[in-house]
Amino acid sequence: MPLLTMSQAINNALREEMNVQPNLILLGQDIGPYGGTFGVTRGLYEEFGAERVRDGPLCESSTVGFAIGVAISGMRSVVELEFIDFVGVAMDQIVNQAAKMHYFLGGQVKVPMVVRCPIVGRMGMGAQHSQSLEAWFMHTPGLKIAIPSNSYDAKGLMKSALRDSNPVLFIENAKLYSSKTEVPVEEYLIPYGKAKLVCAGDDLTMIAISGTVPEAVKAVNYLEELGISVELIDPRTLNPLDTDTIVSSVCKTGKLLITHDACKTGGIAAEIGQRVMEEAFDYLDAPIVRVAGLDVPVPSGNAHSGFVPQAEQLVQAVLRLMGKTPDVTALGNYLRETKYTNG
């Protein structure tokens, strides 16, 4: 299987579906000849032309509104927002219109559209360009939410989104765009609501989301050397959320740690933790732990690394849960020498 970056995998999914769906169009700022803010749509304008790959104005609300109109008229649209931080400008269109029209009209219309939202966290671009806002949308019935962490999942989830009749918020971590993993040449789709078991374990369950997955893999590998077996799960989609897989794992391990880049307060970890409390409280041997972003505006430059969870924090949190004391020097040396391989 070829190695593809996550950016290439999403591009492939869009190209393949545009070839088989003549009514599929792309909308967004700089997605035409420029190829998108992060190059994800590169080459599609030249292949499919300006009618199907449409550069839009610097107005997210109008672009998403146009996409909704296209969708309910029987076509399919994909909107690219430059940063998820700008989703607030289109909030009414996404939350009050796209998510609700099917219900408003008694199921008489469908809204087959995808809104691509890059998270530009872990890149030090400051408080207005680095936020992880996925939790906002878990509170909105009618929206499906995908948040892949690698190339394989990104392509499979995008293909599924482009076959769905519901509005999908497709959240991509720009820090992971260049990371590579094997992607089959043959067509495949990944169903929404099915988490990925990154690795099996017996001592503790760790849930990692988006940009925290690489850090979690580093932490799990180090903990394995210490004789601690961690079961690592990537939810891949937040709505629907695969609660069954998470609960089943916690029932086996008795301990749960959840990590994400978004601010801790009101983050995805709180919802996951509460679902586990409701369905697996009697199996817990210790309190559920959250390792998340700080409750402050995201700092710029190198200071950003102190805002989001790192592998070292995850290791220390696990060791505390296990009643052990970390060897800080050995941990630091290990992490400096370790590179993440996306998979």
C-alpha atoms as a PDB file:
ATOM      1  CA  MET A   1       0.000   0.000   0.000  1.00  0.00           C
ATOM      2  CA  PRO A   2       1.317   3.497  -0.760  1.00  0.00           C
ATOM      3  CA  LEU A   3       2.301   5.852   2.035  1.00  0.00           C
ATOM      4  CA  LEU A   4       0.190   9.007   1.887  1.00  0.00           C
ATOM      5  CA  THR A   5       0.171  12.137   3.977  1.00  0.00           C
ATOM      6  CA  MET A   6      -3.135  12.996   5.587  1.00  0.00           C
ATOM      7  CA  SER A   7      -3.418  15.930   3.190  1.00  0.00           C
ATOM      8  CA  GLN A   8      -2.965  13.619   0.187  1.00  0.00           C
ATOM      9  CA  ALA A   9      -5.455  11.103   1.588  1.00  0.00           C
ATOM     10  CA  ILE A  10      -8.197  13.735   1.899  1.00  0.00           C
ATOM     11  CA  ASN A  11      -7.353  15.045  -1.567  1.00  0.00           C
ATOM     12  CA  ASN A  12      -7.672  11.506  -2.974  1.00  0.00           C
ATOM     13  CA  ALA A  13     -11.045  11.018  -1.317  1.00  0.00           C
ATOM     14  CA  LEU A  14     -12.358  14.277  -2.793  1.00  0.00           C
ATOM     15  CA  ARG A  15     -11.011  13.445  -6.258  1.00  0.00           C
ATOM     16  CA  GLU A  16     -12.435   9.922  -6.283  1.00  0.00           C
ATOM     17  CA  GLU A  17     -15.887  11.084  -5.232  1.00  0.00           C
ATOM     18  CA  MET A  18     -15.891  14.013  -7.677  1.00  0.00           C
ATOM     19  CA  ASN A  19     -15.227  11.500 -10.444  1.00  0.00           C
ATOM     20  CA  VAL A  20     -18.256   9.391  -9.517  1.00  0.00           C
ATOM     21  CA  GLN A  21     -20.557  12.173  -8.265  1.00  0.00           C
ATOM     22  CA  PRO A  22     -20.995  14.805 -10.996  1.00  0.00           C
ATOM     23  CA  ASN A  23     -23.184  16.871  -8.665  1.00  0.00           C
ATOM     24  CA  LEU A  24     -20.416  17.260  -6.045  1.00  0.00           C
ATOM     25  CA  ILE A  25     -18.827  20.720  -5.798  1.00  0.00           C
ATOM     26  CA  LEU A  26     -16.164  22.281  -3.561  1.00  0.00           C
ATOM     27  CA  LEU A  27     -16.475  25.747  -2.046  1.00  0.00           C
ATOM     28  CA  GLY A  28     -14.087  27.879  -0.011  1.00  0.00           C
ATOM     29  CA  GLN A  29     -11.434  30.557   0.139  1.00  0.00           C
ATOM     30  CA  ASP A  30      -8.332  29.987  -2.023  1.00  0.00           C
ATOM     31  CA  ILE A  31      -9.302  26.409  -2.881  1.00  0.00           C
ATOM     32  CA  GLY A  32      -8.973  27.017  -6.633  1.00  0.00           C
ATOM     33  CA  PRO A  33      -5.617  27.610  -8.371  1.00  0.00           C
ATOM     34  CA  TYR A  34      -3.927  28.164  -4.993  1.00  0.00           C
ATOM     35  CA  GLY A  35      -4.988  24.700  -3.803  1.00  0.00           C
ATOM     36  CA  GLY A  36      -6.335  25.606  -0.379  1.00  0.00           C
ATOM     37  CA  THR A  37      -4.775  27.277   2.634  1.00  0.00           C
ATOM     38  CA  PHE A  38      -2.864  24.092   3.469  1.00  0.00           C
ATOM     39  CA  GLY A  39      -2.742  22.644  -0.058  1.00  0.00           C
ATOM     40  CA  VAL A  40      -5.361  19.965   0.514  1.00  0.00           C
ATOM     41  CA  THR A  41      -7.308  20.774  -2.685  1.00  0.00           C
ATOM     42  CA  ARG A  42      -4.184  21.103  -4.829  1.00  0.00           C
ATOM     43  CA  GLY A  43      -4.775  19.950  -8.424  1.00  0.00           C
ATOM     44  CA  LEU A  44      -8.565  19.654  -8.177  1.00  0.00           C
ATOM     45  CA  TYR A  45      -9.248  23.023  -9.800  1.00  0.00           C
ATOM     46  CA  GLU A  46      -7.156  22.076 -12.823  1.00  0.00           C
ATOM     47  CA  GLU A  47      -8.870  18.697 -13.083  1.00  0.00           C
ATOM     48  CA  PHE A  48     -12.510  19.662 -12.516  1.00  0.00           C
ATOM     49  CA  GLY A  49     -12.648  23.355 -13.418  1.00  0.00           C
ATOM     50  CA  ALA A  50     -13.978  26.523 -11.850  1.00  0.00           C
ATOM     51  CA  GLU A  51     -17.628  25.397 -11.920  1.00  0.00           C
ATOM     52  CA  ARG A  52     -16.966  22.544  -9.489  1.00  0.00           C
ATOM     53  CA  VAL A  53     -14.070  23.984  -7.468  1.00  0.00           C
ATOM     54  CA  ARG A  54     -15.291  27.449  -6.578  1.00  0.00           C
ATOM     55  CA  ASP A  55     -13.244  30.086  -4.816  1.00  0.00           C
ATOM     56  CA  GLY A  56     -15.492  31.946  -2.405  1.00  0.00           C
ATOM     57  CA  PRO A  57     -15.442  35.382  -0.782  1.00  0.00           C
ATOM     58  CA  LEU A  58     -13.885  36.191   2.569  1.00  0.00           C
ATOM     59  CA  CYS A  59     -17.240  35.502   4.229  1.00  0.00           C
ATOM     60  CA  GLU A  60     -17.711  32.097   5.832  1.00  0.00           C
ATOM     61  CA  SER A  61     -21.399  32.651   6.585  1.00  0.00           C
ATOM     62  CA  SER A  62     -22.243  33.285   2.933  1.00  0.00           C
ATOM     63  CA  THR A  63     -20.168  30.327   1.705  1.00  0.00           C
ATOM     64  CA  VAL A  64     -21.786  27.899   4.145  1.00  0.00           C
ATOM     65  CA  GLY A  65     -25.202  29.392   3.402  1.00  0.00           C
ATOM     66  CA  PHE A  66     -24.647  28.855  -0.319  1.00  0.00           C
ATOM     67  CA  ALA A  67     -23.567  25.271   0.407  1.00  0.00           C
ATOM     68  CA  ILE A  68     -26.793  24.627   2.308  1.00  0.00           C
ATOM     69  CA  GLY A  69     -28.827  25.922  -0.604  1.00  0.00           C
ATOM     70  CA  VAL A  70     -26.900  23.704  -2.987  1.00  0.00           C
ATOM     71  CA  ALA A  71     -27.384  20.697  -0.718  1.00  0.00           C
ATOM     72  CA  ILE A  72     -31.143  21.014  -0.272  1.00  0.00           C
ATOM     73  CA  SER A  73     -31.535  21.514  -4.035  1.00  0.00           C
ATOM     74  CA  GLY A  74     -30.177  18.009  -4.660  1.00  0.00           C
ATOM     75  CA  MET A  75     -26.445  18.573  -5.103  1.00  0.00           C
ATOM     76  CA  ARG A  76     -23.637  17.832  -2.662  1.00  0.00           C
ATOM     77  CA  SER A  77     -21.163  20.405  -1.401  1.00  0.00           C
ATOM     78  CA  VAL A  78     -17.909  20.482   0.548  1.00  0.00           C
ATOM     79  CA  VAL A  79     -16.940  23.753   2.214  1.00  0.00           C
ATOM     80  CA  GLU A  80     -13.385  24.424   3.375  1.00  0.00           C
ATOM     81  CA  LEU A  81     -12.952  26.901   6.207  1.00  0.00           C
ATOM     82  CA  GLU A  82      -9.374  28.158   6.530  1.00  0.00           C
ATOM     83  CA  PHE A  83      -9.282  27.658  10.319  1.00  0.00           C
ATOM     84  CA  ILE A  84     -11.833  26.139  12.678  1.00  0.00           C
ATOM     85  CA  ASP A  85     -11.498  29.387  14.658  1.00  0.00           C
ATOM     86  CA  PHE A  86     -13.505  31.092  11.888  1.00  0.00           C
ATOM     87  CA  VAL A  87     -16.427  28.698  12.285  1.00  0.00           C
ATOM     88  CA  GLY A  88     -18.029  31.196  14.649  1.00  0.00           C
ATOM     89  CA  VAL A  89     -18.731  33.463  11.684  1.00  0.00           C
ATOM     90  CA  ALA A  90     -20.824  30.672  10.131  1.00  0.00           C
ATOM     91  CA  MET A  91     -22.295  29.363  13.368  1.00  0.00           C
ATOM     92  CA  ASP A  92     -25.897  30.279  12.602  1.00  0.00           C
ATOM     93  CA  GLN A  93     -25.736  28.605   9.197  1.00  0.00           C
ATOM     94  CA  ILE A  94     -24.249  25.384  10.589  1.00  0.00           C
ATOM     95  CA  VAL A  95     -26.104  25.080  13.892  1.00  0.00           C
ATOM     96  CA  ASN A  96     -29.476  26.714  13.184  1.00  0.00           C
ATOM     97  CA  GLN A  97     -29.868  25.838   9.517  1.00  0.00           C
ATOM     98  CA  ALA A  98     -27.837  22.855   8.257  1.00  0.00           C
ATOM     99  CA  ALA A  99     -28.278  20.789  11.413  1.00  0.00           C
ATOM    100  CA  LYS A 100     -32.022  21.396  11.663  1.00  0.00           C
ATOM    101  CA  MET A 101     -33.527  21.660   8.177  1.00  0.00           C
ATOM    102  CA  HIS A 102     -34.203  17.944   7.838  1.00  0.00           C
ATOM    103  CA  TYR A 103     -36.207  18.106  11.083  1.00  0.00           C
ATOM    104  CA  PHE A 104     -37.848  21.484  10.362  1.00  0.00           C
ATOM    105  CA  LEU A 105     -39.367  20.110   7.182  1.00  0.00           C
ATOM    106  CA  GLY A 106     -40.424  16.707   8.466  1.00  0.00           C
ATOM    107  CA  GLY A 107     -37.741  14.799   6.588  1.00  0.00           C
ATOM    108  CA  GLN A 108     -38.779  16.182   3.193  1.00  0.00           C
ATOM    109  CA  VAL A 109     -35.272  17.528   2.455  1.00  0.00           C
ATOM    110  CA  LYS A 110     -31.771  16.210   3.000  1.00  0.00           C
ATOM    111  CA  VAL A 111     -28.666  18.301   3.628  1.00  0.00           C
ATOM    112  CA  PRO A 112     -25.735  16.378   2.113  1.00  0.00           C
ATOM    113  CA  MET A 113     -22.840  18.715   2.849  1.00  0.00           C
ATOM    114  CA  VAL A 114     -19.436  18.560   4.502  1.00  0.00           C
ATOM    115  CA  VAL A 115     -17.752  21.453   6.294  1.00  0.00           C
ATOM    116  CA  ARG A 116     -13.989  20.931   6.508  1.00  0.00           C
ATOM    117  CA  CYS A 117     -12.493  22.684   9.543  1.00  0.00           C
ATOM    118  CA  PRO A 118      -8.714  22.555  10.069  1.00  0.00           C
ATOM    119  CA  ILE A 119      -7.493  22.771  13.647  1.00  0.00           C
ATOM    120  CA  VAL A 120      -4.188  24.636  13.509  1.00  0.00           C
ATOM    121  CA  GLY A 121      -3.129  23.737  17.026  1.00  0.00           C
ATOM    122  CA  ARG A 122       0.402  22.727  18.051  1.00  0.00           C
ATOM    123  CA  MET A 123       1.794  25.246  15.528  1.00  0.00           C
ATOM    124  CA  GLY A 124       2.046  28.352  17.708  1.00  0.00           C
ATOM    125  CA  MET A 125      -0.238  30.592  15.644  1.00  0.00           C
ATOM    126  CA  GLY A 126      -1.900  32.291  18.579  1.00  0.00           C
ATOM    127  CA  ALA A 127      -5.264  32.613  20.268  1.00  0.00           C
ATOM    128  CA  GLN A 128      -7.378  33.316  17.174  1.00  0.00           C
ATOM    129  CA  HIS A 129      -5.871  30.603  14.949  1.00  0.00           C
ATOM    130  CA  SER A 130      -5.094  27.652  17.231  1.00  0.00           C
ATOM    131  CA  GLN A 131      -8.249  26.608  19.054  1.00  0.00           C
ATOM    132  CA  SER A 132      -9.809  23.152  19.210  1.00  0.00           C
ATOM    133  CA  LEU A 133     -13.544  23.861  19.162  1.00  0.00           C
ATOM    134  CA  GLU A 134     -14.968  20.403  18.475  1.00  0.00           C
ATOM    135  CA  ALA A 135     -16.880  20.278  21.771  1.00  0.00           C
ATOM    136  CA  TRP A 136     -19.137  23.122  20.631  1.00  0.00           C
ATOM    137  CA  PHE A 137     -20.689  20.873  18.017  1.00  0.00           C
ATOM    138  CA  MET A 138     -21.252  17.763  20.111  1.00  0.00           C
ATOM    139  CA  HIS A 139     -23.993  19.865  21.672  1.00  0.00           C
ATOM    140  CA  THR A 140     -25.785  20.194  18.318  1.00  0.00           C
ATOM    141  CA  PRO A 141     -28.120  17.326  17.349  1.00  0.00           C
ATOM    142  CA  GLY A 142     -28.289  16.842  13.601  1.00  0.00           C
ATOM    143  CA  LEU A 143     -24.563  17.193  12.914  1.00  0.00           C
ATOM    144  CA  LYS A 144     -22.162  14.323  12.402  1.00  0.00           C
ATOM    145  CA  ILE A 145     -18.580  15.005  13.523  1.00  0.00           C
ATOM    146  CA  ALA A 146     -15.411  13.333  12.271  1.00  0.00           C
ATOM    147  CA  ILE A 147     -11.975  14.057  13.727  1.00  0.00           C
ATOM    148  CA  PRO A 148      -9.344  11.723  12.208  1.00  0.00           C
ATOM    149  CA  SER A 149      -5.743  11.498  13.419  1.00  0.00           C
ATOM    150  CA  ASN A 150      -4.086   9.731  10.463  1.00  0.00           C
ATOM    151  CA  SER A 151      -4.214   9.315   6.695  1.00  0.00           C
ATOM    152  CA  TYR A 152      -6.015   5.968   6.603  1.00  0.00           C
ATOM    153  CA  ASP A 153      -8.850   7.156   8.815  1.00  0.00           C
ATOM    154  CA  ALA A 154      -9.051  10.554   7.123  1.00  0.00           C
ATOM    155  CA  LYS A 155      -9.696   9.047   3.699  1.00  0.00           C
ATOM    156  CA  GLY A 156     -12.157   6.418   4.908  1.00  0.00           C
ATOM    157  CA  LEU A 157     -14.122   8.898   6.998  1.00  0.00           C
ATOM    158  CA  MET A 158     -14.183  11.487   4.218  1.00  0.00           C
ATOM    159  CA  LYS A 159     -15.465   8.904   1.742  1.00  0.00           C
ATOM    160  CA  SER A 160     -18.252   8.012   4.170  1.00  0.00           C
ATOM    161  CA  ALA A 161     -19.083  11.692   4.670  1.00  0.00           C
ATOM    162  CA  LEU A 162     -19.369  12.140   0.909  1.00  0.00           C
ATOM    163  CA  ARG A 163     -21.925   9.311   0.716  1.00  0.00           C
ATOM    164  CA  ASP A 164     -24.000  10.595   3.664  1.00  0.00           C
ATOM    165  CA  SER A 165     -27.260  12.543   3.486  1.00  0.00           C
ATOM    166  CA  ASN A 166     -26.527  14.455   6.688  1.00  0.00           C
ATOM    167  CA  PRO A 167     -24.379  17.534   7.317  1.00  0.00           C
ATOM    168  CA  VAL A 168     -20.914  16.499   8.491  1.00  0.00           C
ATOM    169  CA  LEU A 169     -18.354  18.606  10.312  1.00  0.00           C
ATOM    170  CA  PHE A 170     -14.990  17.190   9.239  1.00  0.00           C
ATOM    171  CA  ILE A 171     -12.278  18.370  11.624  1.00  0.00           C
ATOM    172  CA  GLU A 172      -8.684  18.013  10.407  1.00  0.00           C
ATOM    173  CA  ASN A 173      -5.585  18.689  12.472  1.00  0.00           C
ATOM    174  CA  ALA A 174      -3.194  20.713  10.306  1.00  0.00           C
ATOM    175  CA  LYS A 175      -0.226  19.534  12.378  1.00  0.00           C
ATOM    176  CA  LEU A 176      -0.973  16.021  11.096  1.00  0.00           C
ATOM    177  CA  TYR A 177      -1.359  16.940   7.412  1.00  0.00           C
ATOM    178  CA  SER A 178       2.231  15.899   6.641  1.00  0.00           C
ATOM    179  CA  SER A 179       2.211  12.696   8.695  1.00  0.00           C
ATOM    180  CA  LYS A 180       2.104   9.494   6.655  1.00  0.00           C
ATOM    181  CA  THR A 181       0.568   6.065   6.916  1.00  0.00           C
ATOM    182  CA  GLU A 182      -0.360   3.327   4.469  1.00  0.00           C
ATOM    183  CA  VAL A 183      -3.573   3.874   2.545  1.00  0.00           C
ATOM    184  CA  PRO A 184      -5.089   1.111   0.358  1.00  0.00           C
ATOM    185  CA  VAL A 185      -5.489   1.691  -3.356  1.00  0.00           C
ATOM    186  CA  GLU A 186      -8.779  -0.209  -3.202  1.00  0.00           C
ATOM    187  CA  GLU A 187     -11.862   1.714  -2.116  1.00  0.00           C
ATOM    188  CA  TYR A 188     -12.846   1.533   1.551  1.00  0.00           C
ATOM    189  CA  LEU A 189     -15.177   3.437   3.839  1.00  0.00           C
ATOM    190  CA  ILE A 190     -14.984   3.832   7.613  1.00  0.00           C
ATOM    191  CA  PRO A 191     -18.380   3.884   9.360  1.00  0.00           C
ATOM    192  CA  TYR A 192     -19.152   6.727  11.724  1.00  0.00           C
ATOM    193  CA  GLY A 193     -19.551   5.708  15.352  1.00  0.00           C
ATOM    194  CA  LYS A 194     -16.815   3.049  15.294  1.00  0.00           C
ATOM    195  CA  ALA A 195     -13.719   3.855  17.373  1.00  0.00           C
ATOM    196  CA  LYS A 196     -10.237   2.658  16.467  1.00  0.00           C
ATOM    197  CA  LEU A 197      -8.368   0.399  18.876  1.00  0.00           C
ATOM    198  CA  VAL A 198      -4.839   1.746  18.430  1.00  0.00           C
ATOM    199  CA  CYS A 199      -3.367  -0.851  20.768  1.00  0.00           C
ATOM    200  CA  ALA A 200      -4.749  -3.340  23.281  1.00  0.00           C
ATOM    201  CA  GLY A 201      -3.896  -3.288  26.968  1.00  0.00           C
ATOM    202  CA  ASP A 202      -5.038  -4.473  30.379  1.00  0.00           C
ATOM    203  CA  ASP A 203      -3.998  -1.948  33.043  1.00  0.00           C
ATOM    204  CA  LEU A 204      -5.594   1.313  31.900  1.00  0.00           C
ATOM    205  CA  THR A 205      -7.734   2.751  29.108  1.00  0.00           C
ATOM    206  CA  MET A 206      -6.530   5.929  27.384  1.00  0.00           C
ATOM    207  CA  ILE A 207      -8.755   7.893  24.994  1.00  0.00           C
ATOM    208  CA  ALA A 208      -6.827  10.268  22.713  1.00  0.00           C
ATOM    209  CA  ILE A 209      -8.335  12.700  20.222  1.00  0.00           C
ATOM    210  CA  SER A 210      -6.815  14.289  17.127  1.00  0.00           C
ATOM    211  CA  GLY A 211      -3.447  15.949  17.861  1.00  0.00           C
ATOM    212  CA  THR A 212      -2.991  14.098  21.138  1.00  0.00           C
ATOM    213  CA  VAL A 213      -2.847  10.690  19.434  1.00  0.00           C
ATOM    214  CA  PRO A 214       0.871  10.933  18.509  1.00  0.00           C
ATOM    215  CA  GLU A 215       1.709  11.997  22.071  1.00  0.00           C
ATOM    216  CA  ALA A 216      -0.399   9.164  23.450  1.00  0.00           C
ATOM    217  CA  VAL A 217       1.436   6.618  21.282  1.00  0.00           C
ATOM    218  CA  LYS A 218       4.783   7.845  22.619  1.00  0.00           C
ATOM    219  CA  ALA A 219       3.491   7.644  26.178  1.00  0.00           C
ATOM    220  CA  VAL A 220       2.035   4.154  25.726  1.00  0.00           C
ATOM    221  CA  ASN A 221       5.307   2.842  24.271  1.00  0.00           C
ATOM    222  CA  TYR A 222       7.275   4.209  27.206  1.00  0.00           C
ATOM    223  CA  LEU A 223       4.799   2.839  29.733  1.00  0.00           C
ATOM    224  CA  GLU A 224       5.070  -0.578  28.102  1.00  0.00           C
ATOM    225  CA  GLU A 225       8.786  -0.568  28.895  1.00  0.00           C
ATOM    226  CA  LEU A 226       7.824   0.024  32.531  1.00  0.00           C
ATOM    227  CA  GLY A 227       5.501  -2.967  32.472  1.00  0.00           C
ATOM    228  CA  ILE A 228       2.260  -0.959  32.272  1.00  0.00           C
ATOM    229  CA  SER A 229      -0.178  -2.128  29.599  1.00  0.00           C
ATOM    230  CA  VAL A 230      -2.354   0.672  28.198  1.00  0.00           C
ATOM    231  CA  GLU A 231      -5.331   0.210  25.890  1.00  0.00           C
ATOM    232  CA  LEU A 232      -5.313   3.221  23.551  1.00  0.00           C
ATOM    233  CA  ILE A 233      -8.518   4.212  21.730  1.00  0.00           C
ATOM    234  CA  ASP A 234      -9.035   6.892  19.078  1.00  0.00           C
ATOM    235  CA  PRO A 235     -12.785   7.666  18.804  1.00  0.00           C
ATOM    236  CA  ARG A 236     -12.399   8.976  15.203  1.00  0.00           C
ATOM    237  CA  THR A 237     -15.952  10.368  15.288  1.00  0.00           C
ATOM    238  CA  LEU A 238     -17.560  12.354  18.088  1.00  0.00           C
ATOM    239  CA  ASN A 239     -21.113  12.195  16.834  1.00  0.00           C
ATOM    240  CA  PRO A 240     -21.940   9.388  16.761  1.00  0.00           C
ATOM    241  CA  LEU A 241     -19.559   8.443  19.562  1.00  0.00           C
ATOM    242  CA  ASP A 242     -18.626   4.796  20.051  1.00  0.00           C
ATOM    243  CA  THR A 243     -19.483   4.635  23.744  1.00  0.00           C
ATOM    244  CA  ASP A 244     -19.721   0.831  23.675  1.00  0.00           C
ATOM    245  CA  THR A 245     -16.047   0.340  22.781  1.00  0.00           C
ATOM    246  CA  ILE A 246     -14.937   2.811  25.450  1.00  0.00           C
ATOM    247  CA  VAL A 247     -17.129   1.308  28.171  1.00  0.00           C
ATOM    248  CA  SER A 248     -16.075  -2.230  27.265  1.00  0.00           C
ATOM    249  CA  SER A 249     -12.428  -1.256  27.589  1.00  0.00           C
ATOM    250  CA  VAL A 250     -12.956   0.455  30.953  1.00  0.00           C
ATOM    251  CA  CYS A 251     -14.788  -2.598  32.254  1.00  0.00           C
ATOM    252  CA  LYS A 252     -11.654  -4.587  31.424  1.00  0.00           C
ATOM    253  CA  THR A 253      -8.997  -2.179  32.739  1.00  0.00           C
ATOM    254  CA  GLY A 254     -10.790  -0.388  35.587  1.00  0.00           C
ATOM    255  CA  LYS A 255      -9.036   2.939  34.888  1.00  0.00           C
ATOM    256  CA  LEU A 256      -9.603   5.737  32.361  1.00  0.00           C
ATOM    257  CA  LEU A 257      -7.548   8.696  31.168  1.00  0.00           C
ATOM    258  CA  ILE A 258      -8.846  11.014  28.431  1.00  0.00           C
ATOM    259  CA  THR A 259      -6.701  13.534  26.572  1.00  0.00           C
ATOM    260  CA  HIS A 260      -7.401  16.277  24.035  1.00  0.00           C
ATOM    261  CA  ASP A 261      -5.889  19.602  22.970  1.00  0.00           C
ATOM    262  CA  ALA A 262      -9.011  21.661  23.682  1.00  0.00           C
ATOM    263  CA  CYS A 263      -9.415  23.508  26.968  1.00  0.00           C
ATOM    264  CA  LYS A 264     -10.199  21.156  29.828  1.00  0.00           C
ATOM    265  CA  THR A 265     -13.398  22.859  30.992  1.00  0.00           C
ATOM    266  CA  GLY A 266     -16.380  21.744  28.932  1.00  0.00           C
ATOM    267  CA  GLY A 267     -14.213  19.625  26.634  1.00  0.00           C
ATOM    268  CA  ILE A 268     -14.988  16.279  25.008  1.00  0.00           C
ATOM    269  CA  ALA A 269     -13.348  14.471  27.925  1.00  0.00           C
ATOM    270  CA  ALA A 270     -16.115  15.643  30.259  1.00  0.00           C
ATOM    271  CA  GLU A 271     -18.807  14.059  28.075  1.00  0.00           C
ATOM    272  CA  ILE A 272     -16.887  10.814  27.616  1.00  0.00           C
ATOM    273  CA  GLY A 273     -16.134  10.627  31.314  1.00  0.00           C
ATOM    274  CA  GLN A 274     -19.775  11.147  32.261  1.00  0.00           C
ATOM    275  CA  ARG A 275     -20.930   8.422  29.877  1.00  0.00           C
ATOM    276  CA  VAL A 276     -18.464   6.023  31.487  1.00  0.00           C
ATOM    277  CA  MET A 277     -19.686   7.032  34.943  1.00  0.00           C
ATOM    278  CA  GLU A 278     -23.255   6.262  33.906  1.00  0.00           C
ATOM    279  CA  GLU A 279     -22.491   2.898  32.317  1.00  0.00           C
ATOM    280  CA  ALA A 280     -19.381   1.536  34.043  1.00  0.00           C
ATOM    281  CA  PHE A 281     -19.122   3.204  37.466  1.00  0.00           C
ATOM    282  CA  ASP A 282     -18.938  -0.096  39.313  1.00  0.00           C
ATOM    283  CA  TYR A 283     -15.917  -1.156  37.253  1.00  0.00           C
ATOM    284  CA  LEU A 284     -13.797   1.926  38.016  1.00  0.00           C
ATOM    285  CA  ASP A 285     -10.915   1.418  40.440  1.00  0.00           C
ATOM    286  CA  ALA A 286      -9.875   5.084  40.432  1.00  0.00           C
ATOM    287  CA  PRO A 287     -11.248   8.514  39.441  1.00  0.00           C
ATOM    288  CA  ILE A 288     -11.350   9.325  35.728  1.00  0.00           C
ATOM    289  CA  VAL A 289      -8.456  11.608  34.769  1.00  0.00           C
ATOM    290  CA  ARG A 290      -8.449  14.350  32.117  1.00  0.00           C
ATOM    291  CA  VAL A 291      -5.225  15.649  30.561  1.00  0.00           C
ATOM    292  CA  ALA A 292      -6.210  18.546  28.343  1.00  0.00           C
ATOM    293  CA  GLY A 293      -5.350  22.040  27.166  1.00  0.00           C
ATOM    294  CA  LEU A 294      -5.139  24.832  29.707  1.00  0.00           C
ATOM    295  CA  ASP A 295      -8.128  27.083  30.375  1.00  0.00           C
ATOM    296  CA  VAL A 296      -6.427  30.146  28.906  1.00  0.00           C
ATOM    297  CA  PRO A 297      -6.304  31.754  25.433  1.00  0.00           C
ATOM    298  CA  VAL A 298      -3.904  29.737  23.281  1.00  0.00           C
ATOM    299  CA  PRO A 299      -0.426  31.320  23.414  1.00  0.00           C
ATOM    300  CA  SER A 300       1.742  32.052  20.375  1.00  0.00           C
ATOM    301  CA  GLY A 301       5.098  30.640  19.342  1.00  0.00           C
ATOM    302  CA  ASN A 302       7.004  28.179  21.486  1.00  0.00           C
ATOM    303  CA  ALA A 303       4.797  28.911  24.492  1.00  0.00           C
ATOM    304  CA  HIS A 304       2.104  26.838  22.769  1.00  0.00           C
ATOM    305  CA  SER A 305       3.890  23.606  23.698  1.00  0.00           C
ATOM    306  CA  GLY A 306       3.093  24.297  27.335  1.00  0.00           C
ATOM    307  CA  PHE A 307      -0.592  24.701  26.571  1.00  0.00           C
ATOM    308  CA  VAL A 308      -1.411  21.327  24.990  1.00  0.00           C
ATOM    309  CA  PRO A 309      -0.826  17.842  26.458  1.00  0.00           C
ATOM    310  CA  GLN A 310       2.561  16.262  25.820  1.00  0.00           C
ATOM    311  CA  ALA A 311       3.623  12.640  26.159  1.00  0.00           C
ATOM    312  CA  GLU A 312       5.464  13.415  29.396  1.00  0.00           C
ATOM    313  CA  GLN A 313       2.288  14.685  31.048  1.00  0.00           C
ATOM    314  CA  LEU A 314       0.399  11.595  29.933  1.00  0.00           C
ATOM    315  CA  VAL A 315       3.048   9.266  31.345  1.00  0.00           C
ATOM    316  CA  GLN A 316       3.089  11.086  34.659  1.00  0.00           C
ATOM    317  CA  ALA A 317      -0.713  11.038  34.871  1.00  0.00           C
ATOM    318  CA  VAL A 318      -0.804   7.296  34.186  1.00  0.00           C
ATOM    319  CA  LEU A 319       1.879   6.579  36.761  1.00  0.00           C
ATOM    320  CA  ARG A 320      -0.022   8.557  39.378  1.00  0.00           C
ATOM    321  CA  LEU A 321      -3.142   6.564  38.545  1.00  0.00           C
ATOM    322  CA  MET A 322      -1.120   3.374  38.987  1.00  0.00           C
ATOM    323  CA  GLY A 323       0.345   4.587  42.281  1.00  0.00           C
ATOM    324  CA  LYS A 324       3.889   4.883  40.909  1.00  0.00           C
ATOM    325  CA  THR A 325       6.484   7.666  40.813  1.00  0.00           C
ATOM    326  CA  PRO A 326       7.977   8.607  37.422  1.00  0.00           C
ATOM    327  CA  ASP A 327      11.718   8.767  36.752  1.00  0.00           C
ATOM    328  CA  VAL A 328      11.632  12.243  35.212  1.00  0.00           C
ATOM    329  CA  THR A 329      15.188  12.127  33.818  1.00  0.00           C
ATOM    330  CA  ALA A 330      14.744   8.757  32.106  1.00  0.00           C
ATOM    331  CA  LEU A 331      11.366   9.836  30.736  1.00  0.00           C
ATOM    332  CA  GLY A 332      12.778  13.049  29.271  1.00  0.00           C
ATOM    333  CA  ASN A 333      15.647  11.222  27.594  1.00  0.00           C
ATOM    334  CA  TYR A 334      13.312   8.630  26.076  1.00  0.00           C
ATOM    335  CA  LEU A 335      10.895  11.187  24.655  1.00  0.00           C
ATOM    336  CA  ARG A 336      13.655  13.299  23.119  1.00  0.00           C
ATOM    337  CA  GLU A 337      14.929  10.257  21.223  1.00  0.00           C
ATOM    338  CA  THR A 338      11.494   9.012  20.105  1.00  0.00           C
ATOM    339  CA  LYS A 339       9.835   9.917  16.823  1.00  0.00           C
ATOM    340  CA  TYR A 340       6.175   9.279  16.137  1.00  0.00           C
ATOM    341  CA  THR A 341       5.208   7.026  13.227  1.00  0.00           C
ATOM    342  CA  ASN A 342       1.660   7.763  12.107  1.00  0.00           C
ATOM    343  CA  GLY A 343      -0.621   4.745  11.951  1.00  0.00           C
END
